PDB file of N, CA and C in Angstrom:
ATOM      1  N   MET A   1     -14.016  -5.690  -2.847  1.00  0.00           N
ATOM      2  CA  MET A   1     -15.182  -5.004  -2.320  1.00  0.00           C
ATOM      3  C   MET A   1     -15.590  -3.928  -3.304  1.00  0.00           C
ATOM      4  N   PRO A   2     -16.855  -3.723  -3.541  1.00  0.00           N
ATOM      5  CA  PRO A   2     -17.290  -2.691  -4.473  1.00  0.00           C
ATOM      6  C   PRO A   2     -16.870  -1.317  -3.995  1.00  0.00           C
ATOM      7  N   GLY A   3     -16.580  -0.436  -4.951  1.00  0.00           N
ATOM      8  CA  GLY A   3     -16.103   0.894  -4.636  1.00  0.00           C
ATOM      9  C   GLY A   3     -17.143   1.867  -4.170  1.00  0.00           C
ATOM     10  N   GLY A   4     -18.424   1.597  -4.414  1.00  0.00           N
ATOM     11  CA  GLY A   4     -19.488   2.498  -3.978  1.00  0.00           C
ATOM     12  C   GLY A   4     -19.303   3.875  -4.561  1.00  0.00           C
ATOM     13  N   MET A   5     -18.974   4.841  -3.751  1.00  0.00           N
ATOM     14  CA  MET A   5     -18.832   6.218  -4.182  1.00  0.00           C
ATOM     15  C   MET A   5     -17.726   6.368  -5.230  1.00  0.00           C
ATOM     16  N   LEU A   6     -16.736   5.500  -5.179  1.00  0.00           N
ATOM     17  CA  LEU A   6     -15.616   5.600  -6.112  1.00  0.00           C
ATOM     18  C   LEU A   6     -15.957   5.038  -7.484  1.00  0.00           C
ATOM     19  N   HIS A   7     -17.020   4.262  -7.594  1.00  0.00           N
ATOM     20  CA  HIS A   7     -17.456   3.647  -8.846  1.00  0.00           C
ATOM     21  C   HIS A   7     -16.385   2.742  -9.441  1.00  0.00           C
ATOM     22  N   GLN A   8     -15.534   2.191  -8.605  1.00  0.00           N
ATOM     23  CA  GLN A   8     -14.505   1.265  -9.046  1.00  0.00           C
ATOM     24  C   GLN A   8     -14.322   0.211  -7.972  1.00  0.00           C
ATOM     25  N   THR A   9     -13.771  -0.910  -8.369  1.00  0.00           N
ATOM     26  CA  THR A   9     -13.502  -1.970  -7.410  1.00  0.00           C
ATOM     27  C   THR A   9     -12.311  -1.578  -6.546  1.00  0.00           C
ATOM     28  N   VAL A  10     -12.427  -1.809  -5.245  1.00  0.00           N
ATOM     29  CA  VAL A  10     -11.340  -1.537  -4.315  1.00  0.00           C
ATOM     30  C   VAL A  10     -10.835  -2.878  -3.800  1.00  0.00           C
ATOM     31  N   ILE A  11      -9.545  -3.132  -3.969  1.00  0.00           N
ATOM     32  CA  ILE A  11      -8.932  -4.385  -3.537  1.00  0.00           C
ATOM     33  C   ILE A  11      -8.128  -4.115  -2.274  1.00  0.00           C
ATOM     34  N   ASP A  12      -8.398  -4.898  -1.241  1.00  0.00           N
ATOM     35  CA  ASP A  12      -7.700  -4.748   0.041  1.00  0.00           C
ATOM     36  C   ASP A  12      -6.360  -5.464  -0.036  1.00  0.00           C
ATOM     37  N   ARG A  13      -5.281  -4.697  -0.019  1.00  0.00           N
ATOM     38  CA  ARG A  13      -3.929  -5.264  -0.021  1.00  0.00           C
ATOM     39  C   ARG A  13      -3.178  -4.880   1.250  1.00  0.00           C
ATOM     40  N   THR A  14      -3.922  -4.599   2.321  1.00  0.00           N
ATOM     41  CA  THR A  14      -3.285  -4.195   3.577  1.00  0.00           C
ATOM     42  C   THR A  14      -2.643  -5.365   4.298  1.00  0.00           C
ATOM     43  N   GLY A  15      -3.133  -6.576   4.040  1.00  0.00           N
ATOM     44  CA  GLY A  15      -2.621  -7.738   4.760  1.00  0.00           C
ATOM     45  C   GLY A  15      -3.247  -7.896   6.135  1.00  0.00           C
ATOM     46  N   ARG A  16      -4.159  -7.019   6.482  1.00  0.00           N
ATOM     47  CA  ARG A  16      -4.855  -7.094   7.770  1.00  0.00           C
ATOM     48  C   ARG A  16      -6.085  -7.967   7.626  1.00  0.00           C
ATOM     49  N   SER A  17      -6.392  -8.738   8.663  1.00  0.00           N
ATOM     50  CA  SER A  17      -7.615  -9.533   8.639  1.00  0.00           C
ATOM     51  C   SER A  17      -8.474  -9.151   9.831  1.00  0.00           C
ATOM     52  N   GLY A  18      -9.722  -9.511   9.766  1.00  0.00           N
ATOM     53  CA  GLY A  18     -10.631  -9.204  10.858  1.00  0.00           C
ATOM     54  C   GLY A  18     -11.666  -8.184  10.435  1.00  0.00           C
ATOM     55  N   VAL A  19     -12.484  -7.801  11.391  1.00  0.00           N
ATOM     56  CA  VAL A  19     -13.544  -6.827  11.154  1.00  0.00           C
ATOM     57  C   VAL A  19     -13.171  -5.545  11.887  1.00  0.00           C
ATOM     58  N   PHE A  20     -13.321  -4.410  11.219  1.00  0.00           N
ATOM     59  CA  PHE A  20     -12.936  -3.142  11.798  1.00  0.00           C
ATOM     60  C   PHE A  20     -14.102  -2.173  11.747  1.00  0.00           C
ATOM     61  N   ASP A  21     -14.245  -1.347  12.752  1.00  0.00           N
ATOM     62  CA  ASP A  21     -15.251  -0.296  12.795  1.00  0.00           C
ATOM     63  C   ASP A  21     -14.495   1.026  12.664  1.00  0.00           C
ATOM     64  N   LEU A  22     -14.521   1.604  11.468  1.00  0.00           N
ATOM     65  CA  LEU A  22     -13.761   2.823  11.196  1.00  0.00           C
ATOM     66  C   LEU A  22     -14.713   3.986  10.979  1.00  0.00           C
ATOM     67  N   ARG A  23     -14.280   5.154  11.374  1.00  0.00           N
ATOM     68  CA  ARG A  23     -15.065   6.362  11.140  1.00  0.00           C
ATOM     69  C   ARG A  23     -14.205   7.340  10.345  1.00  0.00           C
ATOM     70  N   LEU A  24     -14.796   7.863   9.296  1.00  0.00           N
ATOM     71  CA  LEU A  24     -14.101   8.817   8.441  1.00  0.00           C
ATOM     72  C   LEU A  24     -14.886  10.124   8.472  1.00  0.00           C
ATOM     73  N   ASP A  25     -14.272  11.179   8.959  1.00  0.00           N
ATOM     74  CA  ASP A  25     -14.920  12.490   9.070  1.00  0.00           C
ATOM     75  C   ASP A  25     -14.630  13.288   7.810  1.00  0.00           C
ATOM     76  N   LEU A  26     -15.590  13.281   6.875  1.00  0.00           N
ATOM     77  CA  LEU A  26     -15.380  13.970   5.607  1.00  0.00           C
ATOM     78  C   LEU A  26     -15.368  15.487   5.760  1.00  0.00           C
ATOM     79  N   ALA A  27     -16.048  16.007   6.782  1.00  0.00           N
ATOM     80  CA  ALA A  27     -16.044  17.460   7.002  1.00  0.00           C
ATOM     81  C   ALA A  27     -14.634  17.942   7.323  1.00  0.00           C
ATOM     82  N   SER A  28     -13.904  17.184   8.134  1.00  0.00           N
ATOM     83  CA  SER A  28     -12.535  17.598   8.455  1.00  0.00           C
ATOM     84  C   SER A  28     -11.600  17.379   7.274  1.00  0.00           C
ATOM     85  N   ALA A  29     -12.031  16.555   6.302  1.00  0.00           N
ATOM     86  CA  ALA A  29     -11.253  16.355   5.080  1.00  0.00           C
ATOM     87  C   ALA A  29     -11.607  17.419   4.035  1.00  0.00           C
ATOM     88  N   GLY A  30     -12.478  18.373   4.414  1.00  0.00           N
ATOM     89  CA  GLY A  30     -12.806  19.481   3.534  1.00  0.00           C
ATOM     90  C   GLY A  30     -14.010  19.267   2.644  1.00  0.00           C
ATOM     91  N   PHE A  31     -14.881  18.302   2.968  1.00  0.00           N
ATOM     92  CA  PHE A  31     -16.045  18.031   2.121  1.00  0.00           C
ATOM     93  C   PHE A  31     -17.322  18.465   2.804  1.00  0.00           C
ATOM     94  N   THR A  32     -18.041  19.351   2.142  1.00  0.00           N
ATOM     95  CA  THR A  32     -19.362  19.768   2.587  1.00  0.00           C
ATOM     96  C   THR A  32     -20.315  19.507   1.433  1.00  0.00           C
ATOM     97  N   PRO A  33     -21.221  18.518   1.562  1.00  0.00           N
ATOM     98  CA  PRO A  33     -22.126  18.200   0.459  1.00  0.00           C
ATOM     99  C   PRO A  33     -22.986  19.387   0.042  1.00  0.00           C
ATOM    100  N   THR A  34     -23.089  19.592  -1.252  1.00  0.00           N
ATOM    101  CA  THR A  34     -23.947  20.626  -1.813  1.00  0.00           C
ATOM    102  C   THR A  34     -24.887  19.947  -2.803  1.00  0.00           C
ATOM    103  N   PRO A  35     -26.146  19.700  -2.410  1.00  0.00           N
ATOM    104  CA  PRO A  35     -27.075  19.020  -3.307  1.00  0.00           C
ATOM    105  C   PRO A  35     -27.179  19.701  -4.666  1.00  0.00           C
ATOM    106  N   GLY A  36     -27.084  18.901  -5.718  1.00  0.00           N
ATOM    107  CA  GLY A  36     -27.236  19.413  -7.074  1.00  0.00           C
ATOM    108  C   GLY A  36     -25.970  19.989  -7.672  1.00  0.00           C
ATOM    109  N   SER A  37     -24.893  20.043  -6.920  1.00  0.00           N
ATOM    110  CA  SER A  37     -23.643  20.595  -7.445  1.00  0.00           C
ATOM    111  C   SER A  37     -22.952  19.561  -8.332  1.00  0.00           C
ATOM    112  N   PRO A  38     -22.590  19.928  -9.577  1.00  0.00           N
ATOM    113  CA  PRO A  38     -21.949  18.965 -10.459  1.00  0.00           C
ATOM    114  C   PRO A  38     -20.576  18.521  -9.974  1.00  0.00           C
ATOM    115  N   SER A  39     -19.878  19.359  -9.229  1.00  0.00           N
ATOM    116  CA  SER A  39     -18.553  18.987  -8.735  1.00  0.00           C
ATOM    117  C   SER A  39     -18.634  18.261  -7.400  1.00  0.00           C
ATOM    118  N   ASN A  40     -19.831  18.111  -6.852  1.00  0.00           N
ATOM    119  CA  ASN A  40     -20.029  17.515  -5.540  1.00  0.00           C
ATOM    120  C   ASN A  40     -19.455  16.096  -5.452  1.00  0.00           C
ATOM    121  N   GLU A  41     -19.703  15.277  -6.478  1.00  0.00           N
ATOM    122  CA  GLU A  41     -19.221  13.893  -6.446  1.00  0.00           C
ATOM    123  C   GLU A  41     -17.697  13.845  -6.458  1.00  0.00           C
ATOM    124  N   MET A  42     -17.052  14.619  -7.316  1.00  0.00           N
ATOM    125  CA  MET A  42     -15.595  14.618  -7.378  1.00  0.00           C
ATOM    126  C   MET A  42     -15.006  15.162  -6.087  1.00  0.00           C
ATOM    127  N   ASP A  43     -15.621  16.194  -5.522  1.00  0.00           N
ATOM    128  CA  ASP A  43     -15.155  16.734  -4.243  1.00  0.00           C
ATOM    129  C   ASP A  43     -15.244  15.661  -3.160  1.00  0.00           C
ATOM    130  N   GLY A  44     -16.327  14.882  -3.174  1.00  0.00           N
ATOM    131  CA  GLY A  44     -16.499  13.809  -2.204  1.00  0.00           C
ATOM    132  C   GLY A  44     -15.446  12.726  -2.352  1.00  0.00           C
ATOM    133  N   ILE A  45     -15.139  12.356  -3.589  1.00  0.00           N
ATOM    134  CA  ILE A  45     -14.110  11.342  -3.841  1.00  0.00           C
ATOM    135  C   ILE A  45     -12.759  11.838  -3.344  1.00  0.00           C
ATOM    136  N   ASN A  46     -12.426  13.087  -3.648  1.00  0.00           N
ATOM    137  CA  ASN A  46     -11.154  13.650  -3.177  1.00  0.00           C
ATOM    138  C   ASN A  46     -11.106  13.693  -1.652  1.00  0.00           C
ATOM    139  N   ALA A  47     -12.230  14.014  -1.015  1.00  0.00           N
ATOM    140  CA  ALA A  47     -12.279  14.059   0.449  1.00  0.00           C
ATOM    141  C   ALA A  47     -12.109  12.666   1.038  1.00  0.00           C
ATOM    142  N   VAL A  48     -12.718  11.655   0.408  1.00  0.00           N
ATOM    143  CA  VAL A  48     -12.562  10.281   0.889  1.00  0.00           C
ATOM    144  C   VAL A  48     -11.099   9.865   0.799  1.00  0.00           C
ATOM    145  N   MET A  49     -10.472  10.128  -0.333  1.00  0.00           N
ATOM    146  CA  MET A  49      -9.072   9.733  -0.507  1.00  0.00           C
ATOM    147  C   MET A  49      -8.157  10.464   0.487  1.00  0.00           C
ATOM    148  N   ALA A  50      -8.383  11.751   0.685  1.00  0.00           N
ATOM    149  CA  ALA A  50      -7.576  12.520   1.640  1.00  0.00           C
ATOM    150  C   ALA A  50      -7.836  12.057   3.064  1.00  0.00           C
ATOM    151  N   GLY A  51      -9.108  11.835   3.398  1.00  0.00           N
ATOM    152  CA  GLY A  51      -9.461  11.405   4.747  1.00  0.00           C
ATOM    153  C   GLY A  51      -8.912  10.032   5.078  1.00  0.00           C
ATOM    154  N   LEU A  52      -8.950   9.114   4.126  1.00  0.00           N
ATOM    155  CA  LEU A  52      -8.402   7.775   4.363  1.00  0.00           C
ATOM    156  C   LEU A  52      -6.932   7.852   4.743  1.00  0.00           C
ATOM    157  N   GLN A  53      -6.200   8.689   4.017  1.00  0.00           N
ATOM    158  CA  GLN A  53      -4.772   8.785   4.299  1.00  0.00           C
ATOM    159  C   GLN A  53      -4.484   9.565   5.580  1.00  0.00           C
ATOM    160  N   ASP A  54      -5.117  10.725   5.735  1.00  0.00           N
ATOM    161  CA  ASP A  54      -4.834  11.577   6.894  1.00  0.00           C
ATOM    162  C   ASP A  54      -5.361  11.006   8.207  1.00  0.00           C
ATOM    163  N   GLN A  55      -6.594  10.490   8.177  1.00  0.00           N
ATOM    164  CA  GLN A  55      -7.247  10.056   9.407  1.00  0.00           C
ATOM    165  C   GLN A  55      -6.983   8.592   9.757  1.00  0.00           C
ATOM    166  N   LEU A  56      -6.844   7.742   8.739  1.00  0.00           N
ATOM    167  CA  LEU A  56      -6.740   6.307   9.003  1.00  0.00           C
ATOM    168  C   LEU A  56      -5.409   5.705   8.583  1.00  0.00           C
ATOM    169  N   GLY A  57      -4.573   6.481   7.913  1.00  0.00           N
ATOM    170  CA  GLY A  57      -3.279   5.974   7.479  1.00  0.00           C
ATOM    171  C   GLY A  57      -3.378   4.989   6.320  1.00  0.00           C
ATOM    172  N   LEU A  58      -4.470   5.051   5.567  1.00  0.00           N
ATOM    173  CA  LEU A  58      -4.665   4.175   4.415  1.00  0.00           C
ATOM    174  C   LEU A  58      -4.545   4.996   3.137  1.00  0.00           C
ATOM    175  N   LYS A  59      -4.052   4.366   2.077  1.00  0.00           N
ATOM    176  CA  LYS A  59      -3.883   5.087   0.828  1.00  0.00           C
ATOM    177  C   LYS A  59      -4.480   4.273  -0.316  1.00  0.00           C
ATOM    178  N   LEU A  60      -5.276   4.928  -1.151  1.00  0.00           N
ATOM    179  CA  LEU A  60      -5.811   4.288  -2.351  1.00  0.00           C
ATOM    180  C   LEU A  60      -4.862   4.579  -3.501  1.00  0.00           C
ATOM    181  N   GLU A  61      -4.498   3.532  -4.220  1.00  0.00           N
ATOM    182  CA  GLU A  61      -3.644   3.692  -5.391  1.00  0.00           C
ATOM    183  C   GLU A  61      -4.330   3.069  -6.587  1.00  0.00           C
ATOM    184  N   ARG A  62      -4.328   3.754  -7.706  1.00  0.00           N
ATOM    185  CA  ARG A  62      -4.936   3.227  -8.923  1.00  0.00           C
ATOM    186  C   ARG A  62      -3.943   2.282  -9.589  1.00  0.00           C
ATOM    187  N   THR A  63      -4.354   1.043  -9.766  1.00  0.00           N
ATOM    188  CA  THR A  63      -3.548   0.037 -10.454  1.00  0.00           C
ATOM    189  C   THR A  63      -4.459  -0.826 -11.308  1.00  0.00           C
ATOM    190  N   LYS A  64      -3.866  -1.612 -12.163  1.00  0.00           N
ATOM    191  CA  LYS A  64      -4.629  -2.592 -12.930  1.00  0.00           C
ATOM    192  C   LYS A  64      -4.402  -3.938 -12.287  1.00  0.00           C
ATOM    193  N   SER A  65      -5.484  -4.698 -12.158  1.00  0.00           N
ATOM    194  CA  SER A  65      -5.410  -5.988 -11.500  1.00  0.00           C
ATOM    195  C   SER A  65      -6.536  -6.875 -12.010  1.00  0.00           C
ATOM    196  N   ALA A  66      -6.309  -8.169 -11.960  1.00  0.00           N
ATOM    197  CA  ALA A  66      -7.364  -9.112 -12.318  1.00  0.00           C
ATOM    198  C   ALA A  66      -8.386  -9.128 -11.184  1.00  0.00           C
ATOM    199  N   VAL A  67      -9.652  -9.078 -11.539  1.00  0.00           N
ATOM    200  CA  VAL A  67     -10.722  -9.056 -10.545  1.00  0.00           C
ATOM    201  C   VAL A  67     -11.725 -10.142 -10.898  1.00  0.00           C
ATOM    202  N   GLU A  68     -12.134 -10.927  -9.900  1.00  0.00           N
ATOM    203  CA  GLU A  68     -13.132 -11.965 -10.131  1.00  0.00           C
ATOM    204  C   GLU A  68     -14.494 -11.315 -10.367  1.00  0.00           C
ATOM    205  N   MET A  69     -15.173 -11.773 -11.425  1.00  0.00           N
ATOM    206  CA  MET A  69     -16.485 -11.219 -11.753  1.00  0.00           C
ATOM    207  C   MET A  69     -17.461 -12.356 -11.984  1.00  0.00           C
ATOM    208  N   LEU A  70     -18.713 -12.090 -11.765  1.00  0.00           N
ATOM    209  CA  LEU A  70     -19.791 -13.038 -12.006  1.00  0.00           C
ATOM    210  C   LEU A  70     -20.624 -12.501 -13.163  1.00  0.00           C
ATOM    211  N   ALA A  71     -20.765 -13.320 -14.219  1.00  0.00           N
ATOM    212  CA  ALA A  71     -21.560 -12.906 -15.380  1.00  0.00           C
ATOM    213  C   ALA A  71     -22.807 -13.773 -15.451  1.00  0.00           C
ATOM    214  N   ILE A  72     -23.969 -13.149 -15.480  1.00  0.00           N
ATOM    215  CA  ILE A  72     -25.240 -13.861 -15.613  1.00  0.00           C
ATOM    216  C   ILE A  72     -25.614 -13.801 -17.088  1.00  0.00           C
ATOM    217  N   GLU A  73     -25.656 -14.977 -17.723  1.00  0.00           N
ATOM    218  CA  GLU A  73     -25.903 -15.025 -19.158  1.00  0.00           C
ATOM    219  C   GLU A  73     -27.362 -15.280 -19.521  1.00  0.00           C
ATOM    220  N   HIS A  74     -28.139 -15.839 -18.585  1.00  0.00           N
ATOM    221  CA  HIS A  74     -29.518 -16.176 -18.921  1.00  0.00           C
ATOM    222  C   HIS A  74     -30.346 -16.231 -17.638  1.00  0.00           C
ATOM    223  N   VAL A  75     -31.558 -15.716 -17.704  1.00  0.00           N
ATOM    224  CA  VAL A  75     -32.466 -15.741 -16.556  1.00  0.00           C
ATOM    225  C   VAL A  75     -33.842 -16.159 -17.049  1.00  0.00           C
ATOM    226  N   GLU A  76     -34.492 -17.056 -16.299  1.00  0.00           N
ATOM    227  CA  GLU A  76     -35.848 -17.463 -16.613  1.00  0.00           C
ATOM    228  C   GLU A  76     -36.672 -17.495 -15.340  1.00  0.00           C
ATOM    229  N   ARG A  77     -37.966 -17.256 -15.464  1.00  0.00           N
ATOM    230  CA  ARG A  77     -38.865 -17.408 -14.325  1.00  0.00           C
ATOM    231  C   ARG A  77     -39.012 -18.894 -14.026  1.00  0.00           C
ATOM    232  N   PRO A  78     -39.151 -19.272 -12.774  1.00  0.00           N
ATOM    233  CA  PRO A  78     -39.353 -20.683 -12.452  1.00  0.00           C
ATOM    234  C   PRO A  78     -40.701 -21.159 -12.996  1.00  0.00           C
ATOM    235  N   SER A  79     -40.750 -22.429 -13.423  1.00  0.00           N
ATOM    236  CA  SER A  79     -42.003 -22.979 -13.949  1.00  0.00           C
ATOM    237  C   SER A  79     -42.941 -23.321 -12.786  1.00  0.00           C
ATOM    238  N   ALA A  80     -44.242 -23.224 -13.035  1.00  0.00           N
ATOM    239  CA  ALA A  80     -45.240 -23.564 -12.015  1.00  0.00           C
ATOM    240  C   ALA A  80     -45.300 -25.078 -11.874  1.00  0.00           C
ATOM    241  N   ASN A  81     -45.392 -25.576 -10.655  1.00  0.00           N
ATOM    242  CA  ASN A  81     -45.452 -27.037 -10.413  1.00  0.00           C
ATOM    243  C   ASN A  81     -46.848 -27.530 -10.462  1.00  0.00           C
TER     244      ASN A  81
END
């Protein structure tokens, strides 16, 4: 799954299957967005990582792993019929 805010690929190794509706309260993890703040993004990432562990019992670990990727080598407009 794409990392979104983390700007990295996140691989699910929990072994859990199914669909889950989770809520992560970043304010309780110590994150208050400040528009235009250069440290805002890093503070948000740290809050996400702390909140995942504290609130949901999940932990992100940085590892190297093979990831499936799709490479588009050529694109053309369709021809008119």
